[in-house]
Amino acid sequence: MRAVVQRVAWARVSIAGEVVGSIEGPGLCVLVGATHTDTEATARALAARLWNLRVLADSEGRMNRSAAELGGGILVVSQFTLYGDTAKGRRPSFMAAAPGAIAEPLVDLVVAELRRLGATVATGRFGADMLVELANDGPVTILLEVDD
């Protein structure tokens, strides 16, 4: 699984003008994509990495704290385009992205596992046309990949 993790002051996701998920910071906005070989173990490992990722600022402004330590909120948004391949041509190929029947339960499991670990999690809606707004704090943006 892949995730683009952004440290945020706030983040929200809207569908057709309605806010369906939002967090106040310090926290994380996480775009999550799945590929064909991902499993439940991969989803659980990604959730643990996200929960313990030390990218939030400590009292001296250093990236030294995790959402687990600060109780920061996490906004999780499914994002199949993270597996877009632009090696050929001008249009990305999304063949490496898992189909919805595989990806949706895995993204749901990431969210469930984060909540089990103690996170306050907001989400978008799988497969919907979403508008994601955020204030990237830092800016801090990390690409995280987890394999079995």
N, C-alpha and C. Protein backbone atom coordinates (compact mmCIF):
# COMPACT_ATOMS: atom_id res chain seq x y z
N MET A 1 0.85 -1.17 0.00
CA MET A 1 0.00 0.00 0.00
C MET A 1 0.89 1.23 0.00
N ARG A 2 0.36 2.28 -0.56
CA ARG A 2 1.06 3.56 -0.60
C ARG A 2 0.22 4.60 0.11
N ALA A 3 0.93 5.54 0.71
CA ALA A 3 0.25 6.66 1.35
C ALA A 3 1.07 7.92 1.15
N VAL A 4 0.39 9.00 0.85
CA VAL A 4 0.99 10.32 0.89
C VAL A 4 0.48 10.94 2.19
N VAL A 5 1.42 11.26 3.06
CA VAL A 5 1.11 11.75 4.40
C VAL A 5 1.50 13.21 4.47
N GLN A 6 0.54 14.05 4.83
CA GLN A 6 0.82 15.47 4.99
C GLN A 6 0.50 15.89 6.42
N ARG A 7 1.46 16.59 7.03
CA ARG A 7 1.21 17.18 8.36
C ARG A 7 0.34 18.41 8.13
N VAL A 8 -0.77 18.48 8.86
CA VAL A 8 -1.73 19.56 8.59
C VAL A 8 -2.12 20.31 9.86
N ALA A 9 -2.48 21.57 9.65
CA ALA A 9 -3.10 22.38 10.71
C ALA A 9 -4.60 22.07 10.75
N TRP A 10 -5.17 21.74 9.60
CA TRP A 10 -6.56 21.29 9.47
C TRP A 10 -6.72 20.63 8.11
N ALA A 11 -7.73 19.82 7.96
CA ALA A 11 -8.03 19.19 6.67
C ALA A 11 -9.50 18.80 6.65
N ARG A 12 -10.06 18.84 5.45
CA ARG A 12 -11.46 18.40 5.30
C ARG A 12 -11.68 17.88 3.90
N VAL A 13 -12.67 17.02 3.78
CA VAL A 13 -13.06 16.47 2.49
C VAL A 13 -14.55 16.69 2.31
N SER A 14 -14.91 17.16 1.11
CA SER A 14 -16.30 17.45 0.79
C SER A 14 -16.73 16.66 -0.44
N ILE A 15 -18.01 16.33 -0.46
CA ILE A 15 -18.63 15.68 -1.61
C ILE A 15 -19.87 16.49 -1.96
N ALA A 16 -19.93 16.99 -3.18
CA ALA A 16 -21.07 17.78 -3.66
C ALA A 16 -21.39 18.93 -2.69
N GLY A 17 -20.34 19.59 -2.19
CA GLY A 17 -20.52 20.74 -1.32
C GLY A 17 -20.76 20.44 0.14
N GLU A 18 -20.88 19.17 0.50
CA GLU A 18 -21.10 18.77 1.89
C GLU A 18 -19.81 18.22 2.50
N VAL A 19 -19.40 18.78 3.64
CA VAL A 19 -18.22 18.28 4.33
C VAL A 19 -18.57 16.93 4.95
N VAL A 20 -17.83 15.88 4.54
CA VAL A 20 -18.11 14.53 5.05
C VAL A 20 -17.07 14.07 6.05
N GLY A 21 -15.94 14.78 6.12
CA GLY A 21 -14.91 14.43 7.08
C GLY A 21 -13.98 15.61 7.29
N SER A 22 -13.60 15.85 8.55
CA SER A 22 -12.67 16.94 8.82
C SER A 22 -11.91 16.68 10.11
N ILE A 23 -10.71 17.26 10.18
CA ILE A 23 -9.91 17.21 11.41
C ILE A 23 -9.31 18.58 11.66
N GLU A 24 -9.00 18.84 12.90
CA GLU A 24 -8.22 20.00 13.29
C GLU A 24 -6.86 19.48 13.70
N GLY A 25 -5.84 20.26 13.45
CA GLY A 25 -4.49 19.83 13.75
C GLY A 25 -4.04 20.18 15.13
N PRO A 26 -2.83 19.79 15.47
CA PRO A 26 -1.95 19.13 14.53
C PRO A 26 -2.44 17.71 14.22
N GLY A 27 -2.31 17.35 12.97
CA GLY A 27 -2.77 16.03 12.56
C GLY A 27 -2.20 15.67 11.21
N LEU A 28 -2.78 14.63 10.61
CA LEU A 28 -2.30 14.10 9.34
C LEU A 28 -3.45 13.98 8.35
N CYS A 29 -3.18 14.37 7.12
CA CYS A 29 -4.07 14.07 6.00
C CYS A 29 -3.36 12.98 5.21
N VAL A 30 -4.02 11.84 5.04
CA VAL A 30 -3.37 10.68 4.44
C VAL A 30 -4.17 10.21 3.23
N LEU A 31 -3.53 10.25 2.06
CA LEU A 31 -4.10 9.69 0.85
C LEU A 31 -3.59 8.26 0.76
N VAL A 32 -4.51 7.28 0.62
CA VAL A 32 -4.14 5.87 0.68
C VAL A 32 -4.54 5.16 -0.61
N GLY A 33 -3.57 4.43 -1.17
CA GLY A 33 -3.84 3.62 -2.35
C GLY A 33 -3.43 2.18 -2.12
N ALA A 34 -4.11 1.28 -2.80
CA ALA A 34 -3.82 -0.15 -2.67
C ALA A 34 -3.49 -0.73 -4.04
N THR A 35 -2.65 -1.75 -4.05
CA THR A 35 -2.33 -2.47 -5.27
C THR A 35 -2.81 -3.92 -5.14
N HIS A 36 -2.67 -4.69 -6.19
CA HIS A 36 -3.23 -6.04 -6.27
C HIS A 36 -2.70 -7.01 -5.22
N THR A 37 -1.47 -6.85 -4.80
CA THR A 37 -0.85 -7.80 -3.88
C THR A 37 -1.03 -7.43 -2.41
N ASP A 38 -1.69 -6.32 -2.12
CA ASP A 38 -1.87 -5.91 -0.73
C ASP A 38 -2.85 -6.85 -0.01
N THR A 39 -2.62 -6.99 1.28
CA THR A 39 -3.42 -7.89 2.11
C THR A 39 -3.87 -7.17 3.37
N GLU A 40 -4.62 -7.88 4.20
CA GLU A 40 -5.03 -7.31 5.49
C GLU A 40 -3.81 -6.99 6.34
N ALA A 41 -2.78 -7.83 6.25
CA ALA A 41 -1.54 -7.58 7.01
C ALA A 41 -0.89 -6.28 6.55
N THR A 42 -0.92 -6.02 5.25
CA THR A 42 -0.37 -4.77 4.72
C THR A 42 -1.14 -3.58 5.28
N ALA A 43 -2.46 -3.66 5.30
CA ALA A 43 -3.29 -2.57 5.80
C ALA A 43 -3.02 -2.30 7.28
N ARG A 44 -2.90 -3.37 8.06
CA ARG A 44 -2.61 -3.20 9.49
C ARG A 44 -1.23 -2.57 9.70
N ALA A 45 -0.26 -3.01 8.91
CA ALA A 45 1.10 -2.46 9.01
C ALA A 45 1.11 -0.98 8.64
N LEU A 46 0.37 -0.61 7.61
CA LEU A 46 0.29 0.80 7.23
C LEU A 46 -0.33 1.63 8.34
N ALA A 47 -1.40 1.14 8.94
CA ALA A 47 -2.04 1.88 10.04
C ALA A 47 -1.07 2.09 11.19
N ALA A 48 -0.33 1.06 11.55
CA ALA A 48 0.64 1.19 12.65
C ALA A 48 1.73 2.20 12.31
N ARG A 49 2.21 2.16 11.08
CA ARG A 49 3.23 3.12 10.66
C ARG A 49 2.69 4.54 10.72
N LEU A 50 1.47 4.75 10.24
CA LEU A 50 0.88 6.08 10.27
C LEU A 50 0.71 6.59 11.70
N TRP A 51 0.20 5.76 12.57
CA TRP A 51 -0.08 6.13 13.95
C TRP A 51 1.20 6.51 14.68
N ASN A 52 2.29 5.86 14.35
CA ASN A 52 3.56 6.08 15.06
C ASN A 52 4.58 6.91 14.29
N LEU A 53 4.21 7.42 13.11
CA LEU A 53 5.12 8.21 12.29
C LEU A 53 5.42 9.54 12.97
N ARG A 54 6.69 9.79 13.23
CA ARG A 54 7.10 10.98 13.99
C ARG A 54 7.37 12.15 13.05
N VAL A 55 6.28 12.80 12.61
CA VAL A 55 6.39 13.97 11.74
C VAL A 55 5.71 15.20 12.32
N LEU A 56 5.09 15.05 13.48
CA LEU A 56 4.45 16.20 14.12
C LEU A 56 5.47 16.92 14.98
N ALA A 57 5.28 18.21 15.12
CA ALA A 57 6.26 19.06 15.81
C ALA A 57 6.23 18.86 17.32
N ASP A 58 7.42 18.86 17.91
CA ASP A 58 7.53 18.88 19.37
C ASP A 58 7.56 20.34 19.83
N SER A 59 7.83 20.58 21.11
CA SER A 59 7.81 21.93 21.65
C SER A 59 8.88 22.84 21.05
N GLU A 60 9.88 22.25 20.41
CA GLU A 60 10.94 23.04 19.78
C GLU A 60 10.76 23.14 18.27
N GLY A 61 9.64 22.62 17.77
CA GLY A 61 9.35 22.69 16.34
C GLY A 61 9.98 21.60 15.51
N ARG A 62 10.61 20.63 16.14
CA ARG A 62 11.24 19.52 15.41
C ARG A 62 10.22 18.42 15.15
N MET A 63 10.40 17.71 14.04
CA MET A 63 9.53 16.57 13.72
C MET A 63 9.94 15.42 14.63
N ASN A 64 9.30 15.35 15.79
CA ASN A 64 9.72 14.40 16.80
C ASN A 64 8.55 13.73 17.51
N ARG A 65 7.32 14.05 17.10
CA ARG A 65 6.15 13.50 17.78
C ARG A 65 5.26 12.79 16.77
N SER A 66 4.51 11.84 17.26
CA SER A 66 3.58 11.08 16.41
C SER A 66 2.15 11.43 16.76
N ALA A 67 1.23 11.04 15.90
CA ALA A 67 -0.19 11.21 16.21
C ALA A 67 -0.53 10.42 17.47
N ALA A 68 0.13 9.28 17.67
CA ALA A 68 -0.11 8.47 18.88
C ALA A 68 0.25 9.26 20.13
N GLU A 69 1.34 10.00 20.08
CA GLU A 69 1.79 10.77 21.24
C GLU A 69 0.92 12.00 21.49
N LEU A 70 0.52 12.67 20.42
CA LEU A 70 -0.21 13.93 20.56
C LEU A 70 -1.72 13.77 20.48
N GLY A 71 -2.19 12.59 20.08
CA GLY A 71 -3.62 12.41 19.91
C GLY A 71 -4.15 13.16 18.70
N GLY A 72 -3.28 13.41 17.72
CA GLY A 72 -3.68 14.16 16.53
C GLY A 72 -4.68 13.40 15.69
N GLY A 73 -5.56 14.14 15.05
CA GLY A 73 -6.55 13.54 14.16
C GLY A 73 -5.92 13.11 12.85
N ILE A 74 -6.55 12.16 12.19
CA ILE A 74 -6.07 11.67 10.90
C ILE A 74 -7.25 11.64 9.93
N LEU A 75 -7.09 12.32 8.81
CA LEU A 75 -8.08 12.27 7.74
C LEU A 75 -7.57 11.31 6.69
N VAL A 76 -8.30 10.23 6.45
CA VAL A 76 -7.91 9.20 5.47
C VAL A 76 -8.80 9.32 4.25
N VAL A 77 -8.15 9.44 3.08
CA VAL A 77 -8.88 9.56 1.82
C VAL A 77 -8.33 8.52 0.85
N SER A 78 -9.20 7.67 0.30
CA SER A 78 -8.77 6.67 -0.68
C SER A 78 -8.30 7.38 -1.95
N GLN A 79 -7.24 6.83 -2.57
CA GLN A 79 -6.61 7.53 -3.69
C GLN A 79 -5.97 6.53 -4.65
N PHE A 80 -6.75 5.97 -5.57
CA PHE A 80 -6.21 4.97 -6.49
C PHE A 80 -5.13 5.55 -7.38
N THR A 81 -5.12 6.87 -7.61
CA THR A 81 -4.15 7.47 -8.52
C THR A 81 -2.72 7.42 -7.98
N LEU A 82 -2.53 7.02 -6.72
CA LEU A 82 -1.17 6.86 -6.20
C LEU A 82 -0.42 5.75 -6.94
N TYR A 83 -1.16 4.88 -7.60
CA TYR A 83 -0.54 3.81 -8.38
C TYR A 83 -0.56 4.14 -9.88
N GLY A 84 -0.68 5.41 -10.23
CA GLY A 84 -0.61 5.81 -11.62
C GLY A 84 0.81 5.66 -12.15
N ASP A 85 0.93 5.06 -13.33
CA ASP A 85 2.23 4.86 -13.98
C ASP A 85 2.32 5.82 -15.16
N THR A 86 3.31 6.71 -15.10
CA THR A 86 3.48 7.70 -16.17
C THR A 86 4.74 7.43 -17.00
N ALA A 87 5.22 6.19 -17.01
CA ALA A 87 6.46 5.85 -17.71
C ALA A 87 6.32 5.99 -19.23
N LYS A 88 5.11 5.80 -19.75
CA LYS A 88 4.91 5.86 -21.20
C LYS A 88 3.75 6.79 -21.51
N GLY A 89 3.87 7.50 -22.59
CA GLY A 89 2.78 8.32 -23.08
C GLY A 89 2.47 9.53 -22.20
N ARG A 90 1.32 10.11 -22.46
CA ARG A 90 0.92 11.32 -21.74
C ARG A 90 -0.24 11.10 -20.78
N ARG A 91 -0.78 9.89 -20.76
CA ARG A 91 -1.89 9.58 -19.87
C ARG A 91 -1.44 8.47 -18.92
N PRO A 92 -1.62 8.67 -17.61
CA PRO A 92 -1.21 7.63 -16.65
C PRO A 92 -2.00 6.34 -16.84
N SER A 93 -1.33 5.24 -16.60
CA SER A 93 -1.98 3.93 -16.55
C SER A 93 -2.22 3.61 -15.07
N PHE A 94 -3.38 3.09 -14.79
CA PHE A 94 -3.72 2.74 -13.41
C PHE A 94 -3.84 1.23 -13.22
N MET A 95 -3.16 0.47 -14.07
CA MET A 95 -3.22 -0.99 -14.01
C MET A 95 -2.71 -1.53 -12.67
N ALA A 96 -1.79 -0.83 -12.02
CA ALA A 96 -1.23 -1.31 -10.75
C ALA A 96 -2.17 -1.04 -9.57
N ALA A 97 -3.15 -0.19 -9.76
CA ALA A 97 -4.10 0.10 -8.69
C ALA A 97 -5.07 -1.08 -8.53
N ALA A 98 -5.31 -1.47 -7.31
CA ALA A 98 -6.26 -2.55 -7.05
C ALA A 98 -7.67 -2.09 -7.41
N PRO A 99 -8.49 -2.98 -7.94
CA PRO A 99 -9.89 -2.62 -8.21
C PRO A 99 -10.63 -2.37 -6.89
N GLY A 100 -11.72 -1.66 -6.99
CA GLY A 100 -12.49 -1.28 -5.80
C GLY A 100 -12.83 -2.43 -4.88
N ALA A 101 -13.15 -3.59 -5.45
CA ALA A 101 -13.54 -4.74 -4.63
C ALA A 101 -12.40 -5.20 -3.72
N ILE A 102 -11.16 -4.94 -4.12
CA ILE A 102 -10.00 -5.28 -3.29
C ILE A 102 -9.59 -4.08 -2.43
N ALA A 103 -9.54 -2.90 -3.05
CA ALA A 103 -9.02 -1.72 -2.38
C ALA A 103 -9.92 -1.20 -1.26
N GLU A 104 -11.21 -1.17 -1.48
CA GLU A 104 -12.11 -0.58 -0.48
C GLU A 104 -12.02 -1.27 0.88
N PRO A 105 -12.09 -2.61 0.94
CA PRO A 105 -11.96 -3.25 2.26
C PRO A 105 -10.60 -2.99 2.92
N LEU A 106 -9.55 -2.85 2.11
CA LEU A 106 -8.22 -2.58 2.68
C LEU A 106 -8.13 -1.17 3.25
N VAL A 107 -8.67 -0.20 2.54
CA VAL A 107 -8.69 1.18 3.06
C VAL A 107 -9.56 1.23 4.31
N ASP A 108 -10.70 0.55 4.29
CA ASP A 108 -11.56 0.48 5.48
C ASP A 108 -10.82 -0.14 6.66
N LEU A 109 -10.00 -1.15 6.38
CA LEU A 109 -9.24 -1.80 7.45
C LEU A 109 -8.17 -0.87 8.02
N VAL A 110 -7.53 -0.06 7.18
CA VAL A 110 -6.57 0.94 7.68
C VAL A 110 -7.29 1.86 8.67
N VAL A 111 -8.46 2.33 8.30
CA VAL A 111 -9.24 3.22 9.16
C VAL A 111 -9.63 2.51 10.46
N ALA A 112 -10.13 1.30 10.35
CA ALA A 112 -10.54 0.54 11.54
C ALA A 112 -9.36 0.28 12.47
N GLU A 113 -8.22 -0.05 11.88
CA GLU A 113 -7.03 -0.33 12.70
C GLU A 113 -6.53 0.95 13.37
N LEU A 114 -6.54 2.06 12.67
CA LEU A 114 -6.17 3.34 13.30
C LEU A 114 -7.09 3.63 14.50
N ARG A 115 -8.37 3.42 14.31
CA ARG A 115 -9.32 3.66 15.41
C ARG A 115 -9.06 2.69 16.56
N ARG A 116 -8.75 1.44 16.24
CA ARG A 116 -8.45 0.46 17.29
C ARG A 116 -7.21 0.89 18.09
N LEU A 117 -6.26 1.51 17.41
CA LEU A 117 -5.05 1.98 18.07
C LEU A 117 -5.29 3.23 18.92
N GLY A 118 -6.44 3.88 18.71
CA GLY A 118 -6.78 5.05 19.51
C GLY A 118 -6.89 6.35 18.74
N ALA A 119 -6.76 6.30 17.44
CA ALA A 119 -6.80 7.52 16.62
C ALA A 119 -8.23 8.02 16.44
N THR A 120 -8.35 9.33 16.35
CA THR A 120 -9.58 9.97 15.90
C THR A 120 -9.44 10.10 14.39
N VAL A 121 -10.30 9.39 13.65
CA VAL A 121 -10.15 9.30 12.20
C VAL A 121 -11.40 9.84 11.52
N ALA A 122 -11.18 10.70 10.54
CA ALA A 122 -12.25 11.14 9.63
C ALA A 122 -11.90 10.57 8.26
N THR A 123 -12.91 10.43 7.41
CA THR A 123 -12.68 9.83 6.10
C THR A 123 -13.46 10.55 5.02
N GLY A 124 -13.04 10.26 3.80
CA GLY A 124 -13.83 10.61 2.64
C GLY A 124 -14.78 9.46 2.36
N ARG A 125 -15.22 9.33 1.12
CA ARG A 125 -16.10 8.23 0.73
C ARG A 125 -15.47 7.52 -0.46
N PHE A 126 -15.24 6.24 -0.33
CA PHE A 126 -14.56 5.46 -1.37
C PHE A 126 -15.27 5.64 -2.71
N GLY A 127 -14.49 5.95 -3.74
CA GLY A 127 -15.01 6.03 -5.10
C GLY A 127 -15.74 7.32 -5.44
N ALA A 128 -15.92 8.20 -4.47
CA ALA A 128 -16.65 9.43 -4.73
C ALA A 128 -15.73 10.49 -5.34
N ASP A 129 -16.33 11.46 -6.01
CA ASP A 129 -15.61 12.62 -6.51
C ASP A 129 -15.51 13.60 -5.33
N MET A 130 -14.32 13.70 -4.75
CA MET A 130 -14.13 14.45 -3.50
C MET A 130 -13.29 15.69 -3.73
N LEU A 131 -13.55 16.69 -2.91
CA LEU A 131 -12.72 17.88 -2.84
C LEU A 131 -11.99 17.83 -1.50
N VAL A 132 -10.65 17.75 -1.54
CA VAL A 132 -9.86 17.69 -0.32
C VAL A 132 -9.18 19.04 -0.14
N GLU A 133 -9.40 19.64 1.02
CA GLU A 133 -8.79 20.92 1.35
C GLU A 133 -7.98 20.74 2.63
N LEU A 134 -6.82 21.41 2.68
CA LEU A 134 -5.98 21.27 3.87
C LEU A 134 -5.02 22.45 3.96
N ALA A 135 -4.49 22.61 5.15
CA ALA A 135 -3.40 23.55 5.39
C ALA A 135 -2.19 22.71 5.75
N ASN A 136 -1.29 22.51 4.78
CA ASN A 136 -0.09 21.69 4.98
C ASN A 136 0.84 22.47 5.90
N ASP A 137 1.15 21.90 7.04
CA ASP A 137 1.95 22.54 8.07
C ASP A 137 3.41 22.19 7.88
N GLY A 138 4.22 23.17 7.57
CA GLY A 138 5.66 22.94 7.41
C GLY A 138 6.22 23.60 6.18
N PRO A 139 5.91 23.18 5.00
CA PRO A 139 5.11 22.01 4.63
C PRO A 139 5.87 20.70 4.86
N VAL A 140 5.12 19.70 5.28
CA VAL A 140 5.67 18.36 5.48
C VAL A 140 4.81 17.39 4.67
N THR A 141 5.43 16.70 3.72
CA THR A 141 4.75 15.69 2.91
C THR A 141 5.69 14.50 2.78
N ILE A 142 5.20 13.32 3.14
CA ILE A 142 6.00 12.10 3.15
C ILE A 142 5.30 11.05 2.30
N LEU A 143 6.08 10.35 1.47
CA LEU A 143 5.56 9.19 0.73
C LEU A 143 5.92 7.95 1.53
N LEU A 144 4.91 7.17 1.88
CA LEU A 144 5.11 5.97 2.71
C LEU A 144 4.61 4.77 1.93
N GLU A 145 5.46 3.74 1.82
CA GLU A 145 5.08 2.49 1.18
C GLU A 145 5.27 1.35 2.14
N VAL A 146 4.29 0.46 2.20
CA VAL A 146 4.35 -0.70 3.08
C VAL A 146 4.05 -1.94 2.25
N ASP A 147 4.94 -2.92 2.34
CA ASP A 147 4.73 -4.21 1.69
C ASP A 147 4.58 -5.27 2.78
N ASP A 148 4.08 -6.44 2.42
CA ASP A 148 3.95 -7.52 3.41
C ASP A 148 5.30 -7.92 3.94
